[in-house]
């Protein structure tokens, strides 16, 4: 292949990369914007002064022998949720987060964004929180769309993360080529 044909081929690849980069960017701009903003918020959640994620409070003791049984704490948490927040809320638990070193157990509910922190020994309510970070995470990874659509197995999240991951990979490759391609063409021109 002659040097002239090599340059034409490099120019053609560069045009294709530029078109793919521009088109993908234009089509997915809103989604990348949302991912960037929510990613920043999630990165700062522990440093938000309790706005996005509440700190873990201190319970009475880290000695598990002194703690109430988890089923008793669960019953107390559900009663506190219904009495102190709203009697119509679902008591389905997403996860129970035991912080032995802090003497605290957190109950994070799955059908809404509320969580309670209870003292492991006394069962006393230490803190009730709106889990804004969980809501932001569900926007970030697309699982909020599954909740809204009522899908059964995270199909929208899977499609969303696949598309966005492949688009980011495409952006990385085409972005690199848009930077490197002209340098390579200039070098080829200098050797002619």
C-alpha atoms as a PDB file:
ATOM      1  CA  UNK A   1       0.000   0.000   0.000  1.00  0.00           C
ATOM      2  CA  UNK A   2       1.402   3.392  -0.960  1.00  0.00           C
ATOM      3  CA  UNK A   3       1.928   6.193   1.566  1.00  0.00           C
ATOM      4  CA  UNK A   4      -0.847   8.197  -0.117  1.00  0.00           C
ATOM      5  CA  UNK A   5      -3.292   5.297   0.253  1.00  0.00           C
ATOM      6  CA  UNK A   6      -2.257   4.860   3.899  1.00  0.00           C
ATOM      7  CA  UNK A   7      -3.056   8.515   4.598  1.00  0.00           C
ATOM      8  CA  UNK A   8      -6.420   8.209   2.834  1.00  0.00           C
ATOM      9  CA  UNK A   9      -7.223   5.114   4.913  1.00  0.00           C
ATOM     10  CA  UNK A  10      -6.197   6.900   8.128  1.00  0.00           C
ATOM     11  CA  UNK A  11      -8.338   9.907   7.181  1.00  0.00           C
ATOM     12  CA  UNK A  12     -11.306   7.623   6.493  1.00  0.00           C
ATOM     13  CA  UNK A  13     -10.930   5.909   9.893  1.00  0.00           C
ATOM     14  CA  UNK A  14     -10.647   9.324  11.548  1.00  0.00           C
ATOM     15  CA  UNK A  15     -13.883  10.530   9.866  1.00  0.00           C
ATOM     16  CA  UNK A  16     -15.712   7.367  10.965  1.00  0.00           C
ATOM     17  CA  UNK A  17     -14.428   7.782  14.549  1.00  0.00           C
ATOM     18  CA  UNK A  18     -15.486  11.443  14.588  1.00  0.00           C
ATOM     19  CA  UNK A  19     -18.971  10.594  13.274  1.00  0.00           C
ATOM     20  CA  UNK A  20     -19.447   7.742  15.797  1.00  0.00           C
ATOM     21  CA  UNK A  21     -18.211   9.943  18.635  1.00  0.00           C
ATOM     22  CA  UNK A  22     -20.453  12.874  17.684  1.00  0.00           C
ATOM     23  CA  UNK A  23     -23.571  10.782  16.980  1.00  0.00           C
ATOM     24  CA  UNK A  24     -23.301   8.691  20.140  1.00  0.00           C
ATOM     25  CA  UNK A  25     -22.638  11.820  22.193  1.00  0.00           C
ATOM     26  CA  UNK A  26     -25.672  13.572  20.749  1.00  0.00           C
ATOM     27  CA  UNK A  27     -27.983  10.574  21.250  1.00  0.00           C
ATOM     28  CA  UNK A  28     -26.886   9.772  24.802  1.00  0.00           C
ATOM     29  CA  UNK A  29     -26.060  13.279  26.086  1.00  0.00           C
ATOM     30  CA  UNK A  30     -28.902  13.387  28.642  1.00  0.00           C
ATOM     31  CA  UNK A  31     -28.041   9.949  30.018  1.00  0.00           C
ATOM     32  CA  UNK A  32     -24.342  10.794  30.373  1.00  0.00           C
ATOM     33  CA  UNK A  33     -25.290  14.038  32.093  1.00  0.00           C
ATOM     34  CA  UNK A  34     -27.512  12.171  34.579  1.00  0.00           C
ATOM     35  CA  UNK A  35     -24.824   9.534  35.221  1.00  0.00           C
ATOM     36  CA  UNK A  36     -22.191  12.238  35.783  1.00  0.00           C
ATOM     37  CA  UNK A  37     -24.311  14.245  38.253  1.00  0.00           C
ATOM     38  CA  UNK A  38     -25.544  11.203  40.188  1.00  0.00           C
ATOM     39  CA  UNK A  39     -22.027   9.730  40.216  1.00  0.00           C
ATOM     40  CA  UNK A  40     -20.668  12.930  41.748  1.00  0.00           C
ATOM     41  CA  UNK A  41     -23.408  12.932  44.382  1.00  0.00           C
ATOM     42  CA  UNK A  42     -22.771   9.281  45.233  1.00  0.00           C
ATOM     43  CA  UNK A  43     -19.062   9.966  45.556  1.00  0.00           C
ATOM     44  CA  UNK A  44     -19.801  12.723  48.071  1.00  0.00           C
ATOM     45  CA  UNK A  45     -22.653  11.007  49.969  1.00  0.00           C
ATOM     46  CA  UNK A  46     -20.615  10.311  53.116  1.00  0.00           C
ATOM     47  CA  UNK A  47     -19.334  13.892  53.102  1.00  0.00           C
ATOM     48  CA  UNK A  48     -22.698  15.615  52.657  1.00  0.00           C
ATOM     49  CA  UNK A  49     -23.287  16.424  56.300  1.00  0.00           C
ATOM     50  CA  UNK A  50     -26.100  13.878  56.515  1.00  0.00           C
ATOM     51  CA  UNK A  51     -28.041  15.313  53.565  1.00  0.00           C
ATOM     52  CA  UNK A  52     -27.530  12.331  51.257  1.00  0.00           C
ATOM     53  CA  UNK A  53     -26.583   9.666  53.781  1.00  0.00           C
ATOM     54  CA  UNK A  54     -26.972   9.916  57.535  1.00  0.00           C
ATOM     55  CA  UNK A  55     -24.016   9.087  59.738  1.00  0.00           C
ATOM     56  CA  UNK A  56     -24.159   5.898  61.791  1.00  0.00           C
ATOM     57  CA  UNK A  57     -25.169   6.760  65.325  1.00  0.00           C
ATOM     58  CA  UNK A  58     -23.661   5.261  68.498  1.00  0.00           C
ATOM     59  CA  UNK A  59     -25.544   2.587  70.414  1.00  0.00           C
ATOM     60  CA  UNK A  60     -25.132   1.388  73.983  1.00  0.00           C
ATOM     61  CA  UNK A  61     -22.790  -1.576  73.523  1.00  0.00           C
ATOM     62  CA  UNK A  62     -20.877  -3.526  70.888  1.00  0.00           C
ATOM     63  CA  UNK A  63     -21.206  -6.739  72.918  1.00  0.00           C
ATOM     64  CA  UNK A  64     -23.669  -8.857  70.936  1.00  0.00           C
ATOM     65  CA  UNK A  65     -24.512 -10.902  74.046  1.00  0.00           C
ATOM     66  CA  UNK A  66     -26.258  -7.814  75.429  1.00  0.00           C
ATOM     67  CA  UNK A  67     -28.232  -7.163  72.242  1.00  0.00           C
ATOM     68  CA  UNK A  68     -31.880  -7.937  71.725  1.00  0.00           C
ATOM     69  CA  UNK A  69     -32.558 -10.746  69.236  1.00  0.00           C
ATOM     70  CA  UNK A  70     -32.689  -9.543  65.611  1.00  0.00           C
ATOM     71  CA  UNK A  71     -36.334 -10.615  65.239  1.00  0.00           C
ATOM     72  CA  UNK A  72     -37.260  -8.459  68.257  1.00  0.00           C
ATOM     73  CA  UNK A  73     -35.337  -5.511  66.812  1.00  0.00           C
ATOM     74  CA  UNK A  74     -37.117  -6.087  63.497  1.00  0.00           C
ATOM     75  CA  UNK A  75     -40.521  -6.027  65.189  1.00  0.00           C
ATOM     76  CA  UNK A  76     -39.590  -2.813  67.029  1.00  0.00           C
ATOM     77  CA  UNK A  77     -38.294  -1.209  63.826  1.00  0.00           C
ATOM     78  CA  UNK A  78     -41.514  -1.997  61.953  1.00  0.00           C
ATOM     79  CA  UNK A  79     -43.652  -0.586  64.767  1.00  0.00           C
ATOM     80  CA  UNK A  80     -41.495   2.568  64.920  1.00  0.00           C
ATOM     81  CA  UNK A  81     -41.676   2.963  61.137  1.00  0.00           C
ATOM     82  CA  UNK A  82     -45.471   2.795  61.113  1.00  0.00           C
ATOM     83  CA  UNK A  83     -45.896   4.957  64.248  1.00  0.00           C
ATOM     84  CA  UNK A  84     -43.315   7.651  63.571  1.00  0.00           C
ATOM     85  CA  UNK A  85     -43.368   8.008  59.774  1.00  0.00           C
ATOM     86  CA  UNK A  86     -46.609   6.715  58.217  1.00  0.00           C
ATOM     87  CA  UNK A  87     -48.978   3.853  59.059  1.00  0.00           C
ATOM     88  CA  UNK A  88     -49.454   3.054  55.358  1.00  0.00           C
ATOM     89  CA  UNK A  89     -45.793   2.242  54.615  1.00  0.00           C
ATOM     90  CA  UNK A  90     -44.689  -1.241  53.630  1.00  0.00           C
ATOM     91  CA  UNK A  91     -42.585  -3.033  56.244  1.00  0.00           C
ATOM     92  CA  UNK A  92     -40.681  -5.139  53.695  1.00  0.00           C
ATOM     93  CA  UNK A  93     -36.992  -4.932  54.571  1.00  0.00           C
ATOM     94  CA  UNK A  94     -34.351  -4.595  51.871  1.00  0.00           C
ATOM     95  CA  UNK A  95     -31.474  -5.220  54.252  1.00  0.00           C
ATOM     96  CA  UNK A  96     -30.521  -5.274  57.895  1.00  0.00           C
ATOM     97  CA  UNK A  97     -27.156  -3.659  58.460  1.00  0.00           C
ATOM     98  CA  UNK A  98     -25.603  -4.645  61.784  1.00  0.00           C
ATOM     99  CA  UNK A  99     -22.847  -2.283  62.935  1.00  0.00           C
ATOM    100  CA  UNK A 100     -21.458  -4.222  65.879  1.00  0.00           C
ATOM    101  CA  UNK A 101     -18.657  -1.741  66.574  1.00  0.00           C
ATOM    102  CA  UNK A 102     -21.213   1.082  66.861  1.00  0.00           C
ATOM    103  CA  UNK A 103     -23.828  -0.952  68.743  1.00  0.00           C
ATOM    104  CA  UNK A 104     -26.382  -0.149  66.037  1.00  0.00           C
ATOM    105  CA  UNK A 105     -28.632  -2.049  63.692  1.00  0.00           C
ATOM    106  CA  UNK A 106     -30.015  -0.325  60.591  1.00  0.00           C
ATOM    107  CA  UNK A 107     -33.224  -1.425  58.936  1.00  0.00           C
ATOM    108  CA  UNK A 108     -33.394  -0.286  55.307  1.00  0.00           C
ATOM    109  CA  UNK A 109     -36.818  -0.733  53.728  1.00  0.00           C
ATOM    110  CA  UNK A 110     -37.282  -1.822  50.131  1.00  0.00           C
ATOM    111  CA  UNK A 111     -40.527  -0.258  48.904  1.00  0.00           C
ATOM    112  CA  UNK A 112     -39.671   3.286  49.956  1.00  0.00           C
ATOM    113  CA  UNK A 113     -36.545   5.178  50.893  1.00  0.00           C
ATOM    114  CA  UNK A 114     -36.810   5.119  54.692  1.00  0.00           C
ATOM    115  CA  UNK A 115     -34.377   3.546  57.138  1.00  0.00           C
ATOM    116  CA  UNK A 116     -34.191   3.339  60.913  1.00  0.00           C
ATOM    117  CA  UNK A 117     -31.185   3.026  63.213  1.00  0.00           C
ATOM    118  CA  UNK A 118     -31.882   1.245  66.484  1.00  0.00           C
ATOM    119  CA  UNK A 119     -29.731   0.689  69.530  1.00  0.00           C
ATOM    120  CA  UNK A 120     -28.888  -3.026  69.541  1.00  0.00           C
ATOM    121  CA  UNK A 121     -29.247  -3.352  73.317  1.00  0.00           C
ATOM    122  CA  UNK A 122     -32.333  -1.256  74.080  1.00  0.00           C
ATOM    123  CA  UNK A 123     -34.117  -1.173  70.722  1.00  0.00           C
ATOM    124  CA  UNK A 124     -34.389   2.597  71.129  1.00  0.00           C
ATOM    125  CA  UNK A 125     -34.780   4.578  67.915  1.00  0.00           C
ATOM    126  CA  UNK A 126     -31.513   6.458  67.369  1.00  0.00           C
ATOM    127  CA  UNK A 127     -32.307   7.921  63.971  1.00  0.00           C
ATOM    128  CA  UNK A 128     -34.833   7.781  61.162  1.00  0.00           C
ATOM    129  CA  UNK A 129     -33.598   8.795  57.759  1.00  0.00           C
ATOM    130  CA  UNK A 130     -34.744   9.354  54.236  1.00  0.00           C
ATOM    131  CA  UNK A 131     -32.244   7.370  52.120  1.00  0.00           C
ATOM    132  CA  UNK A 132     -31.572   9.978  49.426  1.00  0.00           C
ATOM    133  CA  UNK A 133     -28.347   8.225  48.411  1.00  0.00           C
ATOM    134  CA  UNK A 134     -30.309   5.038  47.624  1.00  0.00           C
ATOM    135  CA  UNK A 135     -32.713   7.034  45.436  1.00  0.00           C
ATOM    136  CA  UNK A 136     -29.767   8.668  43.634  1.00  0.00           C
ATOM    137  CA  UNK A 137     -28.140   5.250  43.150  1.00  0.00           C
ATOM    138  CA  UNK A 138     -31.355   3.917  41.602  1.00  0.00           C
ATOM    139  CA  UNK A 139     -31.345   6.831  39.153  1.00  0.00           C
ATOM    140  CA  UNK A 140     -27.638   6.300  38.460  1.00  0.00           C
ATOM    141  CA  UNK A 141     -27.912   2.593  37.614  1.00  0.00           C
ATOM    142  CA  UNK A 142     -31.345   2.708  35.940  1.00  0.00           C
ATOM    143  CA  UNK A 143     -33.081   0.482  38.484  1.00  0.00           C
ATOM    144  CA  UNK A 144     -35.591   3.279  39.176  1.00  0.00           C
ATOM    145  CA  UNK A 145     -36.976   2.651  35.677  1.00  0.00           C
ATOM    146  CA  UNK A 146     -37.511  -1.010  36.560  1.00  0.00           C
ATOM    147  CA  UNK A 147     -39.425   0.050  39.685  1.00  0.00           C
ATOM    148  CA  UNK A 148     -41.591   2.468  37.724  1.00  0.00           C
ATOM    149  CA  UNK A 149     -42.265  -0.057  34.940  1.00  0.00           C
ATOM    150  CA  UNK A 150     -42.814  -2.935  37.371  1.00  0.00           C
ATOM    151  CA  UNK A 151     -40.379  -5.270  35.615  1.00  0.00           C
ATOM    152  CA  UNK A 152     -39.616  -8.469  37.447  1.00  0.00           C
ATOM    153  CA  UNK A 153     -35.921  -9.063  36.973  1.00  0.00           C
ATOM    154  CA  UNK A 154     -34.131  -5.761  36.345  1.00  0.00           C
ATOM    155  CA  UNK A 155     -34.368  -5.988  32.559  1.00  0.00           C
ATOM    156  CA  UNK A 156     -34.349  -2.214  32.054  1.00  0.00           C
ATOM    157  CA  UNK A 157     -31.360  -1.771  34.364  1.00  0.00           C
ATOM    158  CA  UNK A 158     -29.480  -4.486  32.466  1.00  0.00           C
ATOM    159  CA  UNK A 159     -30.230  -2.903  29.079  1.00  0.00           C
ATOM    160  CA  UNK A 160     -29.449   0.595  30.372  1.00  0.00           C
ATOM    161  CA  UNK A 161     -26.111  -0.338  31.947  1.00  0.00           C
ATOM    162  CA  UNK A 162     -25.132  -2.395  28.889  1.00  0.00           C
ATOM    163  CA  UNK A 163     -25.885   0.461  26.483  1.00  0.00           C
ATOM    164  CA  UNK A 164     -24.183   3.070  28.641  1.00  0.00           C
ATOM    165  CA  UNK A 165     -21.152   0.850  29.307  1.00  0.00           C
ATOM    166  CA  UNK A 166     -20.701   0.073  25.611  1.00  0.00           C
ATOM    167  CA  UNK A 167     -21.188   3.754  24.756  1.00  0.00           C
ATOM    168  CA  UNK A 168     -18.506   4.744  27.254  1.00  0.00           C
ATOM    169  CA  UNK A 169     -16.183   2.135  25.769  1.00  0.00           C
ATOM    170  CA  UNK A 170     -16.930   3.493  22.279  1.00  0.00           C
ATOM    171  CA  UNK A 171     -16.276   7.051  23.515  1.00  0.00           C
ATOM    172  CA  UNK A 172     -12.949   5.963  24.970  1.00  0.00           C
ATOM    173  CA  UNK A 173     -11.793   4.270  21.754  1.00  0.00           C
ATOM    174  CA  UNK A 174     -13.039   6.974  19.380  1.00  0.00           C
ATOM    175  CA  UNK A 175     -11.829   9.751  21.686  1.00  0.00           C
ATOM    176  CA  UNK A 176      -8.373   8.218  21.773  1.00  0.00           C
ATOM    177  CA  UNK A 177      -8.385   7.880  17.986  1.00  0.00           C
ATOM    178  CA  UNK A 178      -9.525  11.494  17.549  1.00  0.00           C
ATOM    179  CA  UNK A 179      -6.500  12.522  19.622  1.00  0.00           C
ATOM    180  CA  UNK A 180      -3.974  10.035  18.215  1.00  0.00           C
ATOM    181  CA  UNK A 181      -5.138   9.812  14.571  1.00  0.00           C
ATOM    182  CA  UNK A 182      -4.107  13.348  13.542  1.00  0.00           C
ATOM    183  CA  UNK A 183      -0.718  12.900  15.254  1.00  0.00           C
ATOM    184  CA  UNK A 184      -0.188   9.696  13.308  1.00  0.00           C
ATOM    185  CA  UNK A 185      -1.219  11.359  10.047  1.00  0.00           C
ATOM    186  CA  UNK A 186       1.202  14.263  10.654  1.00  0.00           C
ATOM    187  CA  UNK A 187       3.998  11.797  11.355  1.00  0.00           C
ATOM    188  CA  UNK A 188       3.168   9.920   8.134  1.00  0.00           C
ATOM    189  CA  UNK A 189       3.196  13.205   6.211  1.00  0.00           C
ATOM    190  CA  UNK A 190       6.621  14.113   7.615  1.00  0.00           C
ATOM    191  CA  UNK A 191       8.125  10.829   6.418  1.00  0.00           C
ATOM    192  CA  UNK A 192       6.896  11.326   2.829  1.00  0.00           C
END
